[in-house]
């Protein structure tokens, strides 16, 4: 399993509110993701394996002049006891940087 701490920062929160192309998400999708957010830590701690891993290219920041870097996304899935549903958390690591929270959704 991942042996790193996960950082929750503005980059992840921005992605909860906006699509990857920075277009706003629908209000129902935002509400759905924000309702699941309290369970992110539980999923990260209880996931027994990486459900899916992808190598991607991503801008280092939201600035237009930002460099494009290699990154990896990791999908973790675990059952949330309180909701009795499987929840997927997406983590992002840009280059050698910190492992960051990226998104959350029902699996």
PDB file of N, CA and C in Angstrom:
ATOM      1  N   UNK A   1       0.848  -1.183   0.000  1.00  0.00           N
ATOM      2  CA  UNK A   1       0.000   0.000   0.000  1.00  0.00           C
ATOM      3  C   UNK A   1       0.889   1.240   0.000  1.00  0.00           C
ATOM      4  N   UNK A   2       0.292   2.387  -0.171  1.00  0.00           N
ATOM      5  CA  UNK A   2       1.055   3.631  -0.199  1.00  0.00           C
ATOM      6  C   UNK A   2       1.659   3.900   1.173  1.00  0.00           C
ATOM      7  N   UNK A   3       2.919   4.216   1.202  1.00  0.00           N
ATOM      8  CA  UNK A   3       3.627   4.437   2.460  1.00  0.00           C
ATOM      9  C   UNK A   3       3.941   5.919   2.656  1.00  0.00           C
ATOM     10  N   UNK A   4       3.076   6.794   2.191  1.00  0.00           N
ATOM     11  CA  UNK A   4       3.309   8.230   2.301  1.00  0.00           C
ATOM     12  C   UNK A   4       2.102   8.904   2.955  1.00  0.00           C
ATOM     13  N   UNK A   5       2.364  10.037   3.558  1.00  0.00           N
ATOM     14  CA  UNK A   5       1.265  10.855   4.063  1.00  0.00           C
ATOM     15  C   UNK A   5       0.567  11.515   2.885  1.00  0.00           C
ATOM     16  N   UNK A   6      -0.710  11.746   3.030  1.00  0.00           N
ATOM     17  CA  UNK A   6      -1.497  12.396   1.982  1.00  0.00           C
ATOM     18  C   UNK A   6      -1.790  13.827   2.420  1.00  0.00           C
ATOM     19  N   UNK A   7      -1.515  14.771   1.531  1.00  0.00           N
ATOM     20  CA  UNK A   7      -1.731  16.191   1.795  1.00  0.00           C
ATOM     21  C   UNK A   7      -3.109  16.584   1.262  1.00  0.00           C
ATOM     22  N   UNK A   8      -3.887  17.266   2.079  1.00  0.00           N
ATOM     23  CA  UNK A   8      -5.157  17.851   1.651  1.00  0.00           C
ATOM     24  C   UNK A   8      -4.896  19.340   1.487  1.00  0.00           C
ATOM     25  N   UNK A   9      -5.020  19.852   0.250  1.00  0.00           N
ATOM     26  CA  UNK A   9      -4.685  21.252  -0.008  1.00  0.00           C
ATOM     27  C   UNK A   9      -5.687  21.892  -0.967  1.00  0.00           C
ATOM     28  N   UNK A  10      -5.422  23.128  -1.330  1.00  0.00           N
ATOM     29  CA  UNK A  10      -6.316  23.889  -2.206  1.00  0.00           C
ATOM     30  C   UNK A  10      -6.430  23.250  -3.587  1.00  0.00           C
ATOM     31  N   UNK A  11      -5.371  22.593  -4.055  1.00  0.00           N
ATOM     32  CA  UNK A  11      -5.408  21.961  -5.383  1.00  0.00           C
ATOM     33  C   UNK A  11      -6.493  20.882  -5.431  1.00  0.00           C
ATOM     34  N   UNK A  12      -6.572  20.069  -4.381  1.00  0.00           N
ATOM     35  CA  UNK A  12      -7.605  19.037  -4.318  1.00  0.00           C
ATOM     36  C   UNK A  12      -8.993  19.636  -4.151  1.00  0.00           C
ATOM     37  N   UNK A  13      -9.097  20.658  -3.314  1.00  0.00           N
ATOM     38  CA  UNK A  13     -10.400  21.290  -3.108  1.00  0.00           C
ATOM     39  C   UNK A  13     -10.877  21.942  -4.400  1.00  0.00           C
ATOM     40  N   UNK A  14      -9.969  22.561  -5.140  1.00  0.00           N
ATOM     41  CA  UNK A  14     -10.324  23.173  -6.427  1.00  0.00           C
ATOM     42  C   UNK A  14     -10.874  22.106  -7.375  1.00  0.00           C
ATOM     43  N   UNK A  15     -10.269  20.921  -7.352  1.00  0.00           N
ATOM     44  CA  UNK A  15     -10.727  19.855  -8.251  1.00  0.00           C
ATOM     45  C   UNK A  15     -12.101  19.314  -7.826  1.00  0.00           C
ATOM     46  N   UNK A  16     -12.448  19.407  -6.544  1.00  0.00           N
ATOM     47  CA  UNK A  16     -13.796  19.010  -6.124  1.00  0.00           C
ATOM     48  C   UNK A  16     -14.845  19.933  -6.727  1.00  0.00           C
ATOM     49  N   UNK A  17     -14.490  21.199  -6.908  1.00  0.00           N
ATOM     50  CA  UNK A  17     -15.437  22.198  -7.401  1.00  0.00           C
ATOM     51  C   UNK A  17     -15.404  22.359  -8.921  1.00  0.00           C
ATOM     52  N   UNK A  18     -14.310  21.931  -9.550  1.00  0.00           N
ATOM     53  CA  UNK A  18     -14.115  22.171 -10.977  1.00  0.00           C
ATOM     54  C   UNK A  18     -13.607  20.922 -11.683  1.00  0.00           C
ATOM     55  N   UNK A  19     -13.912  20.830 -12.969  1.00  0.00           N
ATOM     56  CA  UNK A  19     -13.412  19.748 -13.808  1.00  0.00           C
ATOM     57  C   UNK A  19     -11.916  19.974 -14.077  1.00  0.00           C
ATOM     58  N   UNK A  20     -11.260  19.005 -14.691  1.00  0.00           N
ATOM     59  CA  UNK A  20      -9.833  19.132 -14.997  1.00  0.00           C
ATOM     60  C   UNK A  20      -9.540  20.305 -15.932  1.00  0.00           C
ATOM     61  N   UNK A  21     -10.511  20.670 -16.780  1.00  0.00           N
ATOM     62  CA  UNK A  21     -10.328  21.816 -17.682  1.00  0.00           C
ATOM     63  C   UNK A  21     -10.730  23.136 -17.023  1.00  0.00           C
ATOM     64  N   UNK A  22     -10.961  23.111 -15.708  1.00  0.00           N
ATOM     65  CA  UNK A  22     -11.310  24.264 -14.871  1.00  0.00           C
ATOM     66  C   UNK A  22     -12.743  24.749 -15.046  1.00  0.00           C
ATOM     67  N   UNK A  23     -13.550  24.030 -15.831  1.00  0.00           N
ATOM     68  CA  UNK A  23     -14.976  24.368 -15.937  1.00  0.00           C
ATOM     69  C   UNK A  23     -15.658  23.953 -14.633  1.00  0.00           C
ATOM     70  N   UNK A  24     -16.593  24.754 -14.155  1.00  0.00           N
ATOM     71  CA  UNK A  24     -17.268  24.410 -12.897  1.00  0.00           C
ATOM     72  C   UNK A  24     -18.065  23.108 -13.015  1.00  0.00           C
ATOM     73  N   UNK A  25     -18.037  22.314 -11.947  1.00  0.00           N
ATOM     74  CA  UNK A  25     -18.866  21.110 -11.884  1.00  0.00           C
ATOM     75  C   UNK A  25     -20.307  21.537 -11.620  1.00  0.00           C
ATOM     76  N   UNK A  26     -21.239  20.643 -11.879  1.00  0.00           N
ATOM     77  CA  UNK A  26     -22.638  20.937 -11.578  1.00  0.00           C
ATOM     78  C   UNK A  26     -22.805  20.998 -10.061  1.00  0.00           C
ATOM     79  N   UNK A  27     -23.788  21.748  -9.602  1.00  0.00           N
ATOM     80  CA  UNK A  27     -24.014  21.906  -8.174  1.00  0.00           C
ATOM     81  C   UNK A  27     -24.317  20.560  -7.516  1.00  0.00           C
ATOM     82  N   UNK A  28     -25.054  19.684  -8.198  1.00  0.00           N
ATOM     83  CA  UNK A  28     -25.371  18.376  -7.612  1.00  0.00           C
ATOM     84  C   UNK A  28     -24.110  17.525  -7.446  1.00  0.00           C
ATOM     85  N   UNK A  29     -23.187  17.612  -8.402  1.00  0.00           N
ATOM     86  CA  UNK A  29     -21.937  16.855  -8.299  1.00  0.00           C
ATOM     87  C   UNK A  29     -21.055  17.407  -7.178  1.00  0.00           C
ATOM     88  N   UNK A  30     -21.010  18.723  -7.036  1.00  0.00           N
ATOM     89  CA  UNK A  30     -20.240  19.341  -5.957  1.00  0.00           C
ATOM     90  C   UNK A  30     -20.790  18.895  -4.607  1.00  0.00           C
ATOM     91  N   UNK A  31     -22.104  18.939  -4.447  1.00  0.00           N
ATOM     92  CA  UNK A  31     -22.727  18.535  -3.183  1.00  0.00           C
ATOM     93  C   UNK A  31     -22.430  17.067  -2.897  1.00  0.00           C
ATOM     94  N   UNK A  32     -22.529  16.223  -3.909  1.00  0.00           N
ATOM     95  CA  UNK A  32     -22.241  14.796  -3.762  1.00  0.00           C
ATOM     96  C   UNK A  32     -20.812  14.589  -3.247  1.00  0.00           C
ATOM     97  N   UNK A  33     -19.843  15.249  -3.863  1.00  0.00           N
ATOM     98  CA  UNK A  33     -18.445  15.096  -3.478  1.00  0.00           C
ATOM     99  C   UNK A  33     -18.189  15.664  -2.080  1.00  0.00           C
ATOM    100  N   UNK A  34     -18.774  16.792  -1.765  1.00  0.00           N
ATOM    101  CA  UNK A  34     -18.561  17.396  -0.445  1.00  0.00           C
ATOM    102  C   UNK A  34     -19.185  16.556   0.669  1.00  0.00           C
ATOM    103  N   UNK A  35     -20.290  15.883   0.391  1.00  0.00           N
ATOM    104  CA  UNK A  35     -20.895  14.994   1.395  1.00  0.00           C
ATOM    105  C   UNK A  35     -20.009  13.787   1.677  1.00  0.00           C
ATOM    106  N   UNK A  36     -19.265  13.335   0.672  1.00  0.00           N
ATOM    107  CA  UNK A  36     -18.372  12.188   0.850  1.00  0.00           C
ATOM    108  C   UNK A  36     -17.019  12.577   1.448  1.00  0.00           C
ATOM    109  N   UNK A  37     -16.659  13.847   1.373  1.00  0.00           N
ATOM    110  CA  UNK A  37     -15.342  14.300   1.812  1.00  0.00           C
ATOM    111  C   UNK A  37     -14.969  13.860   3.234  1.00  0.00           C
ATOM    112  N   UNK A  38     -15.886  13.868   4.207  1.00  0.00           N
ATOM    113  CA  UNK A  38     -15.501  13.431   5.559  1.00  0.00           C
ATOM    114  C   UNK A  38     -15.016  11.976   5.627  1.00  0.00           C
ATOM    115  N   UNK A  39     -15.287  11.178   4.600  1.00  0.00           N
ATOM    116  CA  UNK A  39     -14.897   9.774   4.606  1.00  0.00           C
ATOM    117  C   UNK A  39     -13.560   9.524   3.886  1.00  0.00           C
ATOM    118  N   UNK A  40     -12.943  10.572   3.358  1.00  0.00           N
ATOM    119  CA  UNK A  40     -11.696  10.400   2.600  1.00  0.00           C
ATOM    120  C   UNK A  40     -10.603   9.762   3.443  1.00  0.00           C
ATOM    121  N   UNK A  41     -10.418  10.233   4.655  1.00  0.00           N
ATOM    122  CA  UNK A  41      -9.369   9.687   5.518  1.00  0.00           C
ATOM    123  C   UNK A  41      -9.608   8.202   5.792  1.00  0.00           C
ATOM    124  N   UNK A  42     -10.856   7.843   6.049  1.00  0.00           N
ATOM    125  CA  UNK A  42     -11.212   6.438   6.310  1.00  0.00           C
ATOM    126  C   UNK A  42     -10.875   5.552   5.103  1.00  0.00           C
ATOM    127  N   UNK A  43     -11.187   6.028   3.907  1.00  0.00           N
ATOM    128  CA  UNK A  43     -10.903   5.253   2.694  1.00  0.00           C
ATOM    129  C   UNK A  43      -9.391   5.096   2.521  1.00  0.00           C
ATOM    130  N   UNK A  44      -8.654   6.182   2.700  1.00  0.00           N
ATOM    131  CA  UNK A  44      -7.197   6.137   2.538  1.00  0.00           C
ATOM    132  C   UNK A  44      -6.584   5.160   3.536  1.00  0.00           C
ATOM    133  N   UNK A  45      -7.058   5.170   4.758  1.00  0.00           N
ATOM    134  CA  UNK A  45      -6.505   4.288   5.793  1.00  0.00           C
ATOM    135  C   UNK A  45      -6.920   2.834   5.603  1.00  0.00           C
ATOM    136  N   UNK A  46      -8.120   2.584   5.098  1.00  0.00           N
ATOM    137  CA  UNK A  46      -8.655   1.221   5.043  1.00  0.00           C
ATOM    138  C   UNK A  46      -8.515   0.518   3.699  1.00  0.00           C
ATOM    139  N   UNK A  47      -8.134   1.231   2.662  1.00  0.00           N
ATOM    140  CA  UNK A  47      -7.958   0.582   1.357  1.00  0.00           C
ATOM    141  C   UNK A  47      -6.823  -0.432   1.452  1.00  0.00           C
ATOM    142  N   UNK A  48      -7.059  -1.613   0.933  1.00  0.00           N
ATOM    143  CA  UNK A  48      -6.056  -2.676   1.043  1.00  0.00           C
ATOM    144  C   UNK A  48      -5.135  -2.754  -0.166  1.00  0.00           C
ATOM    145  N   UNK A  49      -5.509  -2.086  -1.250  1.00  0.00           N
ATOM    146  CA  UNK A  49      -4.658  -2.081  -2.441  1.00  0.00           C
ATOM    147  C   UNK A  49      -4.995  -0.866  -3.299  1.00  0.00           C
ATOM    148  N   UNK A  50      -4.154  -0.627  -4.285  1.00  0.00           N
ATOM    149  CA  UNK A  50      -4.423   0.449  -5.244  1.00  0.00           C
ATOM    150  C   UNK A  50      -5.338  -0.135  -6.310  1.00  0.00           C
ATOM    151  N   UNK A  51      -6.544   0.415  -6.426  1.00  0.00           N
ATOM    152  CA  UNK A  51      -7.535  -0.087  -7.378  1.00  0.00           C
ATOM    153  C   UNK A  51      -7.086   0.190  -8.813  1.00  0.00           C
ATOM    154  N   UNK A  52      -6.559   1.394  -9.037  1.00  0.00           N
ATOM    155  CA  UNK A  52      -6.126   1.768 -10.387  1.00  0.00           C
ATOM    156  C   UNK A  52      -5.004   2.793 -10.273  1.00  0.00           C
ATOM    157  N   UNK A  53      -4.029   2.683 -11.165  1.00  0.00           N
ATOM    158  CA  UNK A  53      -2.918   3.629 -11.202  1.00  0.00           C
ATOM    159  C   UNK A  53      -2.752   4.104 -12.631  1.00  0.00           C
ATOM    160  N   UNK A  54      -2.565   5.412 -12.802  1.00  0.00           N
ATOM    161  CA  UNK A  54      -2.378   5.980 -14.142  1.00  0.00           C
ATOM    162  C   UNK A  54      -1.206   6.940 -14.133  1.00  0.00           C
ATOM    163  N   UNK A  55      -0.468   6.956 -15.227  1.00  0.00           N
ATOM    164  CA  UNK A  55       0.564   7.965 -15.436  1.00  0.00           C
ATOM    165  C   UNK A  55      -0.035   9.019 -16.354  1.00  0.00           C
ATOM    166  N   UNK A  56       0.088  10.275 -15.943  1.00  0.00           N
ATOM    167  CA  UNK A  56      -0.506  11.373 -16.707  1.00  0.00           C
ATOM    168  C   UNK A  56       0.492  12.514 -16.819  1.00  0.00           C
ATOM    169  N   UNK A  57       0.164  13.488 -17.641  1.00  0.00           N
ATOM    170  CA  UNK A  57       0.898  14.748 -17.710  1.00  0.00           C
ATOM    171  C   UNK A  57      -0.047  15.817 -17.212  1.00  0.00           C
ATOM    172  N   UNK A  58       0.463  16.703 -16.363  1.00  0.00           N
ATOM    173  CA  UNK A  58      -0.392  17.709 -15.748  1.00  0.00           C
ATOM    174  C   UNK A  58       0.401  18.993 -15.537  1.00  0.00           C
ATOM    175  N   UNK A  59      -0.302  20.114 -15.585  1.00  0.00           N
ATOM    176  CA  UNK A  59       0.357  21.388 -15.312  1.00  0.00           C
ATOM    177  C   UNK A  59       0.735  21.443 -13.833  1.00  0.00           C
ATOM    178  N   UNK A  60       1.883  22.018 -13.575  1.00  0.00           N
ATOM    179  CA  UNK A  60       2.407  22.135 -12.218  1.00  0.00           C
ATOM    180  C   UNK A  60       1.502  23.007 -11.339  1.00  0.00           C
ATOM    181  N   UNK A  61       0.844  23.992 -11.961  1.00  0.00           N
ATOM    182  CA  UNK A  61      -0.093  24.865 -11.257  1.00  0.00           C
ATOM    183  C   UNK A  61      -1.176  25.296 -12.249  1.00  0.00           C
ATOM    184  N   UNK A  62      -2.093  26.147 -11.790  1.00  0.00           N
ATOM    185  CA  UNK A  62      -3.182  26.593 -12.671  1.00  0.00           C
ATOM    186  C   UNK A  62      -2.774  27.764 -13.569  1.00  0.00           C
ATOM    187  N   UNK A  63      -1.570  28.281 -13.406  1.00  0.00           N
ATOM    188  CA  UNK A  63      -1.098  29.397 -14.228  1.00  0.00           C
ATOM    189  C   UNK A  63      -0.957  28.948 -15.676  1.00  0.00           C
ATOM    190  N   UNK A  64      -1.252  29.847 -16.602  1.00  0.00           N
ATOM    191  CA  UNK A  64      -1.162  29.516 -18.024  1.00  0.00           C
ATOM    192  C   UNK A  64       0.263  29.151 -18.431  1.00  0.00           C
ATOM    193  N   UNK A  65       1.246  29.767 -17.784  1.00  0.00           N
ATOM    194  CA  UNK A  65       2.648  29.520 -18.141  1.00  0.00           C
ATOM    195  C   UNK A  65       3.265  28.354 -17.357  1.00  0.00           C
ATOM    196  N   UNK A  66       2.460  27.623 -16.606  1.00  0.00           N
ATOM    197  CA  UNK A  66       2.979  26.535 -15.761  1.00  0.00           C
ATOM    198  C   UNK A  66       3.581  25.422 -16.609  1.00  0.00           C
ATOM    199  N   UNK A  67       4.647  24.831 -16.090  1.00  0.00           N
ATOM    200  CA  UNK A  67       5.297  23.716 -16.767  1.00  0.00           C
ATOM    201  C   UNK A  67       4.419  22.475 -16.683  1.00  0.00           C
ATOM    202  N   UNK A  68       4.496  21.645 -17.720  1.00  0.00           N
ATOM    203  CA  UNK A  68       3.790  20.362 -17.714  1.00  0.00           C
ATOM    204  C   UNK A  68       4.750  19.316 -17.173  1.00  0.00           C
ATOM    205  N   UNK A  69       4.275  18.547 -16.195  1.00  0.00           N
ATOM    206  CA  UNK A  69       5.114  17.547 -15.538  1.00  0.00           C
ATOM    207  C   UNK A  69       4.461  16.175 -15.599  1.00  0.00           C
ATOM    208  N   UNK A  70       5.281  15.168 -15.426  1.00  0.00           N
ATOM    209  CA  UNK A  70       4.792  13.799 -15.282  1.00  0.00           C
ATOM    210  C   UNK A  70       4.152  13.667 -13.909  1.00  0.00           C
ATOM    211  N   UNK A  71       3.051  12.942 -13.840  1.00  0.00           N
ATOM    212  CA  UNK A  71       2.355  12.740 -12.572  1.00  0.00           C
ATOM    213  C   UNK A  71       1.727  11.356 -12.571  1.00  0.00           C
ATOM    214  N   UNK A  72       1.295  10.959 -11.410  1.00  0.00           N
ATOM    215  CA  UNK A  72       0.603   9.683 -11.271  1.00  0.00           C
ATOM    216  C   UNK A  72      -0.654   9.866 -10.455  1.00  0.00           C
ATOM    217  N   UNK A  73      -1.704   9.158 -10.823  1.00  0.00           N
ATOM    218  CA  UNK A  73      -2.913   9.153 -10.007  1.00  0.00           C
ATOM    219  C   UNK A  73      -3.114   7.743  -9.472  1.00  0.00           C
ATOM    220  N   UNK A  74      -3.647   7.673  -8.274  1.00  0.00           N
ATOM    221  CA  UNK A  74      -3.874   6.406  -7.595  1.00  0.00           C
ATOM    222  C   UNK A  74      -5.305   6.395  -7.085  1.00  0.00           C
ATOM    223  N   UNK A  75      -6.065   5.389  -7.458  1.00  0.00           N
ATOM    224  CA  UNK A  75      -7.443   5.246  -6.989  1.00  0.00           C
ATOM    225  C   UNK A  75      -7.464   4.208  -5.871  1.00  0.00           C
ATOM    226  N   UNK A  76      -7.977   4.597  -4.730  1.00  0.00           N
ATOM    227  CA  UNK A  76      -8.129   3.703  -3.587  1.00  0.00           C
ATOM    228  C   UNK A  76      -9.612   3.504  -3.339  1.00  0.00           C
ATOM    229  N   UNK A  77     -10.019   2.277  -3.033  1.00  0.00           N
ATOM    230  CA  UNK A  77     -11.422   1.974  -2.787  1.00  0.00           C
ATOM    231  C   UNK A  77     -11.539   1.253  -1.456  1.00  0.00           C
ATOM    232  N   UNK A  78     -12.530   1.683  -0.669  1.00  0.00           N
ATOM    233  CA  UNK A  78     -12.822   0.997   0.591  1.00  0.00           C
ATOM    234  C   UNK A  78     -14.294   1.203   0.917  1.00  0.00           C
ATOM    235  N   UNK A  79     -14.846   0.264   1.669  1.00  0.00           N
ATOM    236  CA  UNK A  79     -16.238   0.369   2.096  1.00  0.00           C
ATOM    237  C   UNK A  79     -16.302   1.282   3.309  1.00  0.00           C
ATOM    238  N   UNK A  80     -17.225   2.232   3.257  1.00  0.00           N
ATOM    239  CA  UNK A  80     -17.439   3.162   4.364  1.00  0.00           C
ATOM    240  C   UNK A  80     -18.581   2.609   5.194  1.00  0.00           C
ATOM    241  N   UNK A  81     -18.282   2.200   6.408  1.00  0.00           N
ATOM    242  CA  UNK A  81     -19.257   1.516   7.256  1.00  0.00           C
ATOM    243  C   UNK A  81     -20.502   2.368   7.498  1.00  0.00           C
ATOM    244  N   UNK A  82     -20.306   3.648   7.784  1.00  0.00           N
ATOM    245  CA  UNK A  82     -21.437   4.513   8.115  1.00  0.00           C
ATOM    246  C   UNK A  82     -22.446   4.616   6.965  1.00  0.00           C
ATOM    247  N   UNK A  83     -21.945   4.634   5.743  1.00  0.00           N
ATOM    248  CA  UNK A  83     -22.810   4.763   4.564  1.00  0.00           C
ATOM    249  C   UNK A  83     -23.136   3.412   3.925  1.00  0.00           C
ATOM    250  N   UNK A  84     -22.421   2.351   4.326  1.00  0.00           N
ATOM    251  CA  UNK A  84     -22.575   1.021   3.740  1.00  0.00           C
ATOM    252  C   UNK A  84     -22.451   1.082   2.215  1.00  0.00           C
ATOM    253  N   UNK A  85     -21.427   1.792   1.762  1.00  0.00           N
ATOM    254  CA  UNK A  85     -21.186   1.961   0.332  1.00  0.00           C
ATOM    255  C   UNK A  85     -19.678   2.010   0.098  1.00  0.00           C
ATOM    256  N   UNK A  86     -19.238   1.564  -1.083  1.00  0.00           N
ATOM    257  CA  UNK A  86     -17.834   1.678  -1.446  1.00  0.00           C
ATOM    258  C   UNK A  86     -17.566   3.081  -1.983  1.00  0.00           C
ATOM    259  N   UNK A  87     -16.475   3.660  -1.506  1.00  0.00           N
ATOM    260  CA  UNK A  87     -16.087   5.013  -1.901  1.00  0.00           C
ATOM    261  C   UNK A  87     -14.688   4.953  -2.495  1.00  0.00           C
ATOM    262  N   UNK A  88     -14.497   5.714  -3.560  1.00  0.00           N
ATOM    263  CA  UNK A  88     -13.199   5.766  -4.237  1.00  0.00           C
ATOM    264  C   UNK A  88     -12.572   7.132  -3.995  1.00  0.00           C
ATOM    265  N   UNK A  89     -11.312   7.134  -3.616  1.00  0.00           N
ATOM    266  CA  UNK A  89     -10.539   8.357  -3.431  1.00  0.00           C
ATOM    267  C   UNK A  89      -9.422   8.355  -4.469  1.00  0.00           C
ATOM    268  N   UNK A  90      -9.246   9.489  -5.131  1.00  0.00           N
ATOM    269  CA  UNK A  90      -8.184   9.646  -6.115  1.00  0.00           C
ATOM    270  C   UNK A  90      -7.092  10.498  -5.491  1.00  0.00           C
ATOM    271  N   UNK A  91      -5.861   9.999  -5.561  1.00  0.00           N
ATOM    272  CA  UNK A  91      -4.699  10.725  -5.069  1.00  0.00           C
ATOM    273  C   UNK A  91      -3.818  11.094  -6.251  1.00  0.00           C
ATOM    274  N   UNK A  92      -3.091  12.188  -6.130  1.00  0.00           N
ATOM    275  CA  UNK A  92      -2.251  12.700  -7.212  1.00  0.00           C
ATOM    276  C   UNK A  92      -0.848  12.952  -6.682  1.00  0.00           C
ATOM    277  N   UNK A  93       0.147  12.566  -7.466  1.00  0.00           N
ATOM    278  CA  UNK A  93       1.536  12.871  -7.137  1.00  0.00           C
ATOM    279  C   UNK A  93       2.184  13.456  -8.382  1.00  0.00           C
ATOM    280  N   UNK A  94       2.617  14.709  -8.287  1.00  0.00           N
ATOM    281  CA  UNK A  94       3.261  15.389  -9.414  1.00  0.00           C
ATOM    282  C   UNK A  94       4.772  15.297  -9.215  1.00  0.00           C
ATOM    283  N   UNK A  95       5.437  14.655 -10.158  1.00  0.00           N
ATOM    284  CA  UNK A  95       6.889  14.501 -10.061  1.00  0.00           C
ATOM    285  C   UNK A  95       7.279  13.823  -8.760  1.00  0.00           C
ATOM    286  N   UNK A  96       8.215  14.415  -8.045  1.00  0.00           N
ATOM    287  CA  UNK A  96       8.667  13.890  -6.760  1.00  0.00           C
ATOM    288  C   UNK A  96       7.975  14.590  -5.596  1.00  0.00           C
ATOM    289  N   UNK A  97       6.905  15.310  -5.878  1.00  0.00           N
ATOM    290  CA  UNK A  97       6.210  16.076  -4.845  1.00  0.00           C
ATOM    291  C   UNK A  97       5.408  15.209  -3.889  1.00  0.00           C
ATOM    292  N   UNK A  98       4.609  15.877  -3.072  1.00  0.00           N
ATOM    293  CA  UNK A  98       3.769  15.201  -2.088  1.00  0.00           C
ATOM    294  C   UNK A  98       2.625  14.456  -2.753  1.00  0.00           C
ATOM    295  N   UNK A  99       2.165  13.426  -2.082  1.00  0.00           N
ATOM    296  CA  UNK A  99       0.958  12.708  -2.494  1.00  0.00           C
ATOM    297  C   UNK A  99      -0.221  13.542  -2.017  1.00  0.00           C
ATOM    298  N   UNK A 100      -1.079  13.966  -2.965  1.00  0.00           N
ATOM    299  CA  UNK A 100      -2.171  14.892  -2.642  1.00  0.00           C
ATOM    300  C   UNK A 100      -3.534  14.262  -2.879  1.00  0.00           C
ATOM    301  N   UNK A 101      -4.494  14.651  -2.061  1.00  0.00           N
ATOM    302  CA  UNK A 101      -5.886  14.289  -2.291  1.00  0.00           C
ATOM    303  C   UNK A 101      -6.332  14.994  -3.556  1.00  0.00           C
ATOM    304  N   UNK A 102      -7.052  14.267  -4.438  1.00  0.00           N
ATOM    305  CA  UNK A 102      -7.508  14.847  -5.701  1.00  0.00           C
ATOM    306  C   UNK A 102      -9.034  14.846  -5.826  1.00  0.00           C
ATOM    307  N   UNK A 103      -9.664  13.707  -5.459  1.00  0.00           N
ATOM    308  CA  UNK A 103     -11.112  13.625  -5.650  1.00  0.00           C
ATOM    309  C   UNK A 103     -11.690  12.481  -4.828  1.00  0.00           C
ATOM    310  N   UNK A 104     -13.014  12.476  -4.728  1.00  0.00           N
ATOM    311  CA  UNK A 104     -13.742  11.424  -4.028  1.00  0.00           C
ATOM    312  C   UNK A 104     -15.072  11.211  -4.721  1.00  0.00           C
ATOM    313  N   UNK A 105     -15.525   9.957  -4.755  1.00  0.00           N
ATOM    314  CA  UNK A 105     -16.810   9.629  -5.401  1.00  0.00           C
ATOM    315  C   UNK A 105     -17.257   8.253  -4.950  1.00  0.00           C
ATOM    316  N   UNK A 106     -18.526   7.941  -5.186  1.00  0.00           N
ATOM    317  CA  UNK A 106     -18.982   6.577  -4.946  1.00  0.00           C
ATOM    318  C   UNK A 106     -18.351   5.695  -6.002  1.00  0.00           C
ATOM    319  N   UNK A 107     -18.037   4.467  -5.610  1.00  0.00           N
ATOM    320  CA  UNK A 107     -17.383   3.528  -6.524  1.00  0.00           C
ATOM    321  C   UNK A 107     -18.417   2.770  -7.329  1.00  0.00           C
TER     322      UNK A 107
END
